[in-house]
Protein backbone atom coordinates (compact mmCIF):
# COMPACT_ATOMS: atom_id res chain seq x y z
CA MET A 1 127.77 93.38 56.40
CA THR A 2 131.43 94.03 57.30
CA LEU A 3 133.03 92.59 60.40
CA HIS A 4 132.70 96.11 62.12
CA ALA A 5 129.03 96.42 61.18
CA ALA A 6 128.13 93.10 62.64
CA LEU A 7 130.03 93.42 65.89
CA GLY A 8 130.23 97.06 66.80
CA THR A 9 132.76 99.04 68.61
CA ALA A 10 132.77 97.09 72.03
CA LEU A 11 132.78 93.66 70.47
CA VAL A 12 135.34 94.48 67.91
CA ALA A 13 137.69 96.00 70.58
CA THR A 14 137.13 92.96 72.91
CA LEU A 15 137.03 90.05 70.48
CA LEU A 16 139.31 90.71 67.68
CA ALA A 17 142.76 91.83 69.06
CA GLY A 18 145.54 89.75 67.76
CA ALA A 19 143.34 87.31 65.96
CA PRO A 20 144.94 84.82 63.54
CA SER A 21 143.52 84.13 60.15
CA GLY A 22 139.86 83.06 59.88
CA ALA A 23 140.47 80.11 57.50
CA ALA A 24 142.89 78.48 60.04
CA ALA A 25 140.64 79.02 62.99
CA ALA A 26 137.50 77.73 61.24
CA GLU A 27 138.38 74.07 61.04
CA PRO A 28 135.74 71.59 62.31
CA ALA A 29 136.01 70.99 66.00
CA ALA A 30 137.89 67.80 67.07
CA THR A 31 135.67 65.94 69.33
CA THR A 32 138.17 63.17 69.93
CA ALA A 33 140.55 65.56 71.82
CA PRO A 34 141.47 64.54 75.39
CA ALA A 35 138.82 65.27 77.76
CA ASN A 36 140.71 67.77 79.84
CA THR A 37 137.75 70.04 80.06
CA GLU A 38 138.96 72.34 82.89
CA ALA A 39 142.35 72.94 81.26
CA GLU A 40 140.87 73.61 77.82
CA ALA A 41 138.30 75.90 79.27
CA ARG A 42 140.89 77.96 81.04
CA GLU A 43 142.90 78.19 77.88
CA ALA A 44 139.75 79.15 75.73
CA ASP A 45 138.65 81.81 78.26
CA ALA A 46 142.20 83.27 78.36
CA LEU A 47 142.32 83.57 74.60
CA TYR A 48 138.77 85.07 74.49
CA ASP A 49 139.47 87.62 77.31
CA ALA A 50 142.61 88.63 75.45
CA GLY A 51 140.55 89.35 72.29
CA ASN A 52 141.75 86.25 70.26
CA ALA A 53 138.32 84.97 69.23
CA LEU A 54 139.60 82.96 66.36
CA GLY A 55 142.14 81.31 68.43
CA ALA A 56 139.52 80.39 71.15
CA LEU A 57 137.09 78.98 68.52
CA PRO A 58 138.28 75.38 68.13
CA LEU A 59 138.58 75.06 71.86
CA TYR A 60 134.98 76.33 72.49
CA GLU A 61 133.51 74.05 69.74
CA ARG A 62 135.32 71.06 71.49
CA LEU A 63 133.91 72.28 74.76
CA THR A 64 130.40 72.60 73.43
CA ALA A 65 130.44 69.18 72.00
CA ARG A 66 131.69 67.69 75.19
CA VAL A 67 129.57 69.70 77.61
CA PRO A 68 126.40 70.54 75.48
CA GLU A 69 124.44 71.79 78.35
CA ASP A 70 126.98 74.68 79.09
CA VAL A 71 125.35 77.86 77.75
CA ARG A 72 128.63 79.81 77.99
CA TYR A 73 130.44 77.49 75.68
CA ALA A 74 127.73 77.60 73.23
CA GLU A 75 127.44 81.43 73.16
CA ARG A 76 131.21 81.93 72.92
CA ALA A 77 131.46 79.37 70.11
CA ALA A 78 128.77 81.17 68.22
CA ILE A 79 130.46 84.56 68.66
CA CYS A 80 133.85 83.15 67.60
CA LEU A 81 132.28 81.44 64.66
CA MET A 82 130.72 84.71 63.53
CA THR A 83 134.15 86.36 63.51
CA ALA A 84 135.53 83.48 61.51
CA VAL A 85 132.88 83.50 59.01
CA GLN A 86 133.46 87.21 58.18
CA THR A 87 137.15 86.81 57.75
CA MET A 88 136.96 83.77 55.32
CA PRO A 89 136.75 83.71 51.62
CA PRO A 90 133.64 82.30 49.86
CA GLY A 91 133.63 78.54 49.72
CA ALA A 92 132.71 75.30 51.36
CA GLU A 93 134.79 75.94 54.60
CA ARG A 94 132.95 79.36 55.14
CA ASP A 95 129.51 77.75 54.35
CA ALA A 96 130.33 75.06 56.91
CA ALA A 97 131.38 77.57 59.45
CA PHE A 98 128.27 79.55 58.96
CA ALA A 99 126.10 76.39 59.54
CA ARG A 100 128.05 75.76 62.73
CA GLU A 101 127.54 79.37 63.90
CA ARG A 102 123.91 79.05 63.39
CA SER A 103 123.75 75.73 65.33
CA ALA A 104 125.75 77.00 68.17
CA ALA A 105 123.53 80.09 68.37
CA GLU A 106 120.41 78.01 68.50
CA ARG A 107 121.96 75.76 71.13
CA ALA A 108 122.73 78.79 73.24
CA ARG A 109 119.23 80.10 72.89
CA ALA A 110 117.57 76.69 73.71
CA LEU A 111 119.69 76.69 76.90
CA GLY A 112 118.09 80.10 77.94
CA ASP A 113 120.69 82.60 76.60
CA THR A 114 118.99 85.97 75.96
CA SER A 115 122.11 88.21 75.72
CA SER A 116 122.63 91.09 73.44
CA LEU A 117 125.77 89.32 72.07
CA LEU A 118 123.65 86.26 71.14
CA GLN A 119 121.21 88.71 69.36
CA VAL A 120 124.00 90.06 67.36
CA VAL A 121 124.86 86.56 66.15
CA PHE A 122 121.28 85.85 65.25
CA GLU A 123 121.11 89.04 63.19
CA HIS A 124 124.09 87.70 61.38
CA VAL A 125 122.85 84.24 60.65
CA ALA A 126 119.53 85.79 59.46
CA GLU A 127 121.38 87.52 56.56
CA PRO A 128 122.30 85.54 53.42
CA LEU A 129 126.10 85.02 52.99
CA PRO A 130 127.52 87.31 50.22
CA VAL A 131 129.23 85.65 47.38
CA GLY A 132 132.44 86.37 45.57
CA ALA A 133 133.67 89.91 45.70
CA ALA A 134 130.51 90.99 47.39
CA ILE A 135 131.91 90.29 50.71
CA ILE A 136 133.47 93.75 50.65
CA ALA A 137 133.21 95.56 47.33
CA ASP A 138 136.31 97.78 47.79
CA PRO A 139 139.50 95.79 47.67
CA MET A 140 141.20 98.22 49.83
CA MET A 141 138.56 98.13 52.38
CA ALA A 142 138.60 94.38 52.44
CA GLN A 143 142.37 94.52 53.02
CA ALA A 144 141.81 96.95 55.82
CA GLU A 145 139.16 94.82 57.46
CA THR A 146 141.44 91.76 57.26
CA ALA A 147 144.20 93.58 58.83
CA PHE A 148 141.87 94.79 61.71
CA ALA A 149 140.49 91.23 62.21
CA ARG A 150 143.99 89.96 62.63
CA GLY A 151 145.01 92.58 65.16
CA ASP A 152 147.21 94.55 62.78
CA PHE A 153 145.92 97.87 63.78
CA ASP A 154 148.63 99.98 62.29
CA ALA A 155 147.99 98.57 58.83
CA ALA A 156 144.26 98.86 59.19
CA LEU A 157 144.44 102.43 60.24
CA ALA A 158 146.75 103.39 57.36
CA LEU A 159 144.31 101.87 54.87
CA TYR A 160 141.42 103.55 56.43
CA LEU A 161 142.95 106.86 56.23
CA ARG A 162 144.02 106.31 52.71
CA ILE A 163 140.30 105.48 51.77
CA ALA A 164 139.10 108.54 53.71
CA GLU A 165 141.58 110.78 51.93
CA ALA A 166 140.72 109.44 48.60
CA ASN A 167 136.88 109.69 49.14
CA PRO A 168 135.63 112.73 51.25
CA ARG A 169 132.22 111.03 51.56
CA ASP A 170 133.22 107.59 52.74
CA TYR A 171 131.44 107.07 56.02
CA ASP A 172 132.75 103.63 56.88
CA ALA A 173 136.41 104.45 56.55
CA ARG A 174 136.08 107.33 59.00
CA LEU A 175 134.02 105.19 61.40
CA TYR A 176 136.46 102.37 61.37
CA ALA A 177 139.38 104.72 61.84
CA GLY A 178 137.56 105.68 64.83
CA ASP A 179 137.47 102.17 65.97
CA VAL A 180 141.36 101.79 65.73
CA TYR A 181 141.84 104.90 67.91
CA PHE A 182 139.23 103.47 70.27
CA LYS A 183 141.18 100.29 70.42
CA ARG A 184 144.40 102.30 71.11
CA ASP A 185 142.64 103.92 74.02
CA ASP A 186 142.89 107.37 72.29
CA LEU A 187 139.43 108.66 73.05
CA ALA A 188 139.98 112.12 71.62
CA ARG A 189 141.05 110.76 68.14
CA ALA A 190 138.38 108.15 68.27
CA ALA A 191 135.70 110.92 68.96
CA GLU A 192 137.14 113.13 66.16
CA TRP A 193 136.72 110.36 63.50
CA TYR A 194 133.39 109.31 64.78
CA GLY A 195 132.46 112.85 64.44
CA LYS A 196 133.72 112.98 60.87
CA ALA A 197 131.34 110.00 60.09
CA VAL A 198 128.42 111.68 61.72
CA ALA A 199 129.00 114.86 59.59
CA ILE A 200 128.72 112.72 56.52
CA ASP A 201 125.55 111.11 57.37
CA PRO A 202 123.78 112.01 60.68
CA ASP A 203 120.92 109.76 59.81
CA ARG A 204 122.97 106.54 60.22
CA GLU A 205 122.92 105.25 63.85
CA THR A 206 126.33 103.58 63.86
CA ALA A 207 128.80 106.35 64.47
CA HIS A 208 126.55 107.90 67.12
CA ARG A 209 126.37 104.66 68.93
CA TYR A 210 130.05 103.84 68.60
CA TRP A 211 130.81 107.38 69.88
CA GLY A 212 128.47 106.96 72.87
CA ASP A 213 129.90 103.57 73.58
CA ALA A 214 133.46 104.78 73.55
CA LEU A 215 132.61 107.56 75.99
CA ALA A 216 130.71 105.21 78.34
CA ARG A 217 133.62 102.76 78.39
CA HIS A 218 135.90 105.69 79.46
CA GLY A 219 133.68 106.59 82.34
CA GLN A 220 131.95 109.49 80.62
CA ALA A 221 128.30 108.24 80.98
CA GLY A 222 126.83 111.69 80.84
CA ALA A 223 128.57 112.62 77.64
CA ALA A 224 127.75 109.21 76.15
CA TYR A 225 124.02 109.66 76.78
CA GLY A 226 123.63 112.33 74.17
CA HIS A 227 125.21 110.38 71.42
CA LEU A 228 123.12 107.33 72.29
CA LEU A 229 119.96 109.40 72.04
CA ASP A 230 121.28 110.67 68.67
CA ALA A 231 121.66 107.04 67.47
CA ILE A 232 117.96 106.37 68.13
CA VAL A 233 116.93 109.67 66.60
CA ALA A 234 118.91 108.60 63.48
CA GLU A 235 117.39 105.13 63.26
CA PRO A 236 114.57 104.46 65.77
CA TYR A 237 113.64 101.21 64.11
CA SER A 238 117.20 99.84 64.60
CA ARG A 239 117.47 97.12 67.32
CA ARG A 240 121.30 98.07 67.56
CA ALA A 241 120.58 101.64 68.36
CA TRP A 242 118.16 100.66 71.25
CA ALA A 243 120.50 98.01 72.43
CA GLY A 244 123.30 100.65 72.85
CA LEU A 245 121.02 102.85 74.99
CA ALA A 246 119.76 99.83 77.04
CA GLN A 247 123.36 98.70 77.69
CA TRP A 248 124.13 102.24 79.08
CA ALA A 249 121.02 102.33 81.18
CA LYS A 250 121.56 98.94 82.60
CA ALA A 251 124.99 99.88 83.83
CA LEU A 252 123.44 102.95 85.62
CA HIS A 253 120.23 101.21 86.92
CA ILE A 254 118.17 103.47 84.70
CA GLU A 255 114.81 102.40 83.22
CA ILE A 256 113.99 102.61 79.57
CA LYS A 257 110.18 102.62 79.28
CA PRO A 258 108.14 104.46 76.77
CA PRO A 259 104.60 106.11 77.46
CA THR A 260 101.54 104.22 76.27
CA ILE A 261 98.21 105.16 74.74
CA PRO A 262 95.87 102.30 74.66
CA ALA A 263 94.30 103.30 71.31
CA PRO A 264 92.47 100.35 69.45
CA ARG A 265 94.21 98.89 66.50
CA ASP A 266 92.84 97.62 63.29
CA SER A 267 89.43 98.93 64.27
CA VAL A 268 88.07 100.38 60.96
CA ASP A 269 87.09 98.64 57.74
CA VAL A 270 86.06 100.61 54.69
CA ASP A 271 84.56 98.53 51.84
CA ASP A 272 84.73 99.16 48.13
CA LYS A 273 81.70 101.47 48.21
CA GLY A 274 83.07 103.67 50.97
CA GLY A 275 81.04 102.01 53.72
CA MET A 276 82.63 102.10 57.19
CA THR A 277 82.44 99.38 59.88
CA ILE A 278 83.89 100.13 63.34
CA SER A 279 84.95 97.53 65.81
CA VAL A 280 85.84 98.47 69.43
CA ASP A 281 86.78 96.00 72.25
CA PRO A 282 83.51 95.67 74.39
CA LYS A 283 85.61 96.09 77.41
CA SER A 284 86.61 99.50 76.54
CA LEU A 285 82.97 100.68 75.90
CA ALA A 286 82.14 100.59 79.58
CA HIS A 287 84.53 103.42 80.27
CA SER A 288 86.17 105.02 77.23
CA GLY A 289 84.07 103.78 74.36
CA ALA A 290 82.92 107.13 73.10
CA ALA A 291 86.37 108.52 72.81
CA TRP A 292 87.72 105.49 71.05
CA LEU A 293 84.79 105.40 68.92
CA ALA A 294 85.69 108.82 67.89
CA TYR A 295 89.30 107.80 67.24
CA SER A 296 88.13 104.99 65.04
CA ALA A 297 85.60 107.08 63.16
CA SER A 298 88.37 109.68 62.51
CA ARG A 299 90.60 106.94 61.09
CA GLY A 300 87.80 105.70 58.90
CA LEU A 301 87.35 109.13 57.34
CA TRP A 302 91.20 108.97 56.41
CA ARG A 303 90.62 105.70 54.70
CA GLN A 304 87.63 107.03 52.80
CA SER A 305 89.05 110.28 51.56
CA LYS A 306 91.43 112.27 53.69
CA PHE A 307 94.51 110.26 52.87
CA LYS A 308 94.00 111.00 49.04
CA GLU A 309 93.77 114.65 50.09
CA ALA A 310 96.79 114.76 52.26
CA TYR A 311 99.04 112.48 50.13
CA PRO A 312 97.96 113.09 46.54
CA SER A 313 101.16 111.56 45.14
CA GLU A 314 100.55 108.21 46.83
CA ALA A 315 98.20 105.78 44.97
CA THR A 316 97.55 103.38 47.79
CA TYR A 317 96.22 104.11 51.27
CA ARG A 318 98.38 103.59 54.21
CA HIS A 319 98.19 104.42 58.01
CA SER A 320 100.04 107.82 58.23
CA LEU A 321 101.36 109.97 61.13
CA ALA A 322 98.94 112.60 60.30
CA GLU A 323 96.00 110.26 60.50
CA GLU A 324 96.96 108.70 63.79
CA VAL A 325 97.67 112.04 65.47
CA THR A 326 94.48 113.59 64.15
CA ALA A 327 92.48 110.60 65.51
CA LEU A 328 94.30 110.62 68.80
CA LYS A 329 93.47 114.34 69.25
CA MET A 330 89.85 113.58 68.32
CA ALA A 331 89.70 111.06 71.09
CA ARG A 332 91.27 113.60 73.53
CA VAL A 333 88.56 116.06 72.63
CA VAL A 334 85.70 113.60 73.33
CA ALA A 335 87.27 112.36 76.45
CA GLY A 336 87.59 115.68 77.80
CA GLY A 337 89.12 116.12 81.27
CA GLU A 338 88.88 112.37 81.80
CA ALA A 339 91.86 111.72 79.47
CA GLY A 340 94.13 113.01 82.14
CA HIS A 341 92.86 111.04 85.10
CA THR A 342 92.19 107.43 83.82
CA LYS A 343 94.20 104.50 82.67
CA ASP A 344 91.73 104.07 79.82
CA TYR A 345 93.65 106.83 77.81
CA GLY A 346 97.10 106.23 79.08
CA ASP A 347 99.57 109.10 78.48
CA LEU A 348 97.25 110.74 75.89
CA ALA A 349 96.56 113.98 77.68
CA ARG A 350 100.16 114.56 79.03
CA LEU A 351 101.71 113.95 75.59
CA ASP A 352 99.13 116.03 73.82
CA ASP A 353 99.57 119.02 76.17
CA ASP A 354 103.29 118.85 75.66
CA GLY A 355 103.24 118.75 72.00
CA MET A 356 104.85 115.25 71.92
CA LEU A 357 102.01 113.13 70.28
CA GLU A 358 104.12 113.13 66.83
CA PRO A 359 107.31 111.86 68.39
CA TYR A 360 105.40 109.30 70.54
CA VAL A 361 103.56 107.91 67.48
CA LEU A 362 106.81 107.77 65.30
CA VAL A 363 109.07 106.28 67.88
CA SER A 364 106.84 104.25 70.36
CA ALA A 365 103.85 103.30 68.48
CA PRO A 366 104.59 103.09 64.65
CA ASP A 367 103.57 100.58 62.04
CA ALA A 368 104.87 100.17 58.55
CA GLY A 369 102.81 102.96 57.15
CA ILE A 370 103.56 105.44 59.88
CA ALA A 371 107.29 104.74 59.71
CA LYS A 372 107.39 106.07 56.15
CA ASP A 373 106.74 109.56 57.56
CA TYR A 374 109.65 109.37 59.89
CA ALA A 375 112.51 110.72 57.68
CA ALA A 376 110.53 113.94 56.79
CA TYR A 377 109.56 114.55 60.43
CA ARG A 378 113.25 113.80 61.64
CA ALA A 379 114.56 116.56 59.01
CA ALA A 380 112.44 119.20 60.67
CA HIS A 381 112.10 118.11 64.23
CA ARG A 382 115.35 116.33 65.33
CA ASP A 383 115.40 118.22 68.61
CA GLN A 384 111.90 117.42 69.32
CA LEU A 385 112.57 113.68 68.94
CA ARG A 386 115.55 113.95 71.18
CA SER A 387 113.59 115.81 73.87
CA TYR A 388 110.74 113.05 73.62
CA LEU A 389 113.41 110.30 74.33
CA ASP A 390 114.99 112.27 77.11
CA ARG A 391 111.88 113.22 78.94
CA TYR A 392 109.42 110.43 78.29
CA VAL A 393 111.44 107.33 77.58
CA VAL A 394 114.50 107.41 79.82
CA HIS A 395 113.63 107.44 83.45
CA ARG A 396 115.41 108.18 86.61
CA LEU A 397 118.51 109.84 85.35
CA PRO A 398 121.15 110.57 87.86
């Protein structure tokens, strides 16, 4: 994961302007420094707010050691350490900084920090550190990323453009060139280069999200919205894609809440001889048992034979989009008119009537098996997925 991939447009622009070298900034914190906490906090905050995360790092580490109950010091130490780790060559210093990053993040979480920034740090520490040249495989890209991290945006842009010119299919070079223009407050050029990345691969969420984020930060919330939806359509199982939309919605006091259908899960077992056992929550039998029994029976038939018929190239059964939608429709038929009037069926009738069961299942109620059907559905129904998000997931638009 490159520096850009870990942080994203907003954090790169905010945290990395004018940063010194990562190795120099990642020295262990000096806990014996004079205990002038207030002065050091002001200095650290000034560096951080100016975008010099690596310069602020040793100060935040000292402050965290001195005031371990302060959640802000711990969070900012973790964020600055993430920046340092990704600008350092392999070796003991980087390994030590990585361990300190994890420790600072865990401290912040223990103190009650649930911010999206801290989540980014945890995603970073969850990944193994690359070794050797695997940090960034392309030497020119590594040089560009280092220049960007140190705040030398002219040098970084020149390198990104050289890479883009040499490789018409290089997504990252175009994405990161857009980042430089975003940093320069040139929204038109940033959008141009984000668009170039999207044209190469519309099924990667990053350029959609960066584009939307850039527009939102320039006060164009309406224009941003479409790009943030496109990010989720591209990769609906990406936490970063959803975080981008959530950040936008929070700023506008808009609710992000998907519909629900309370279908029973793991309610069917089929033995080696083809025998079927259906289990339904006894509480549901009092009101909606017949419909959910029909749902489970339909799923059982898929386990017995229909999956092999529908997916002859797959040797092993899995829960599929076709199975789930067929079973939900069967429940709707058995429920009849009740499905539109009782909480026992949630939004089943409304989604079915509107032709939105497939997007609902794929985006809001998938499992590992269903997720395998997403790419094929997206290729044919991108507009349908976008419409589902707009009409059923995002609420109270201005």
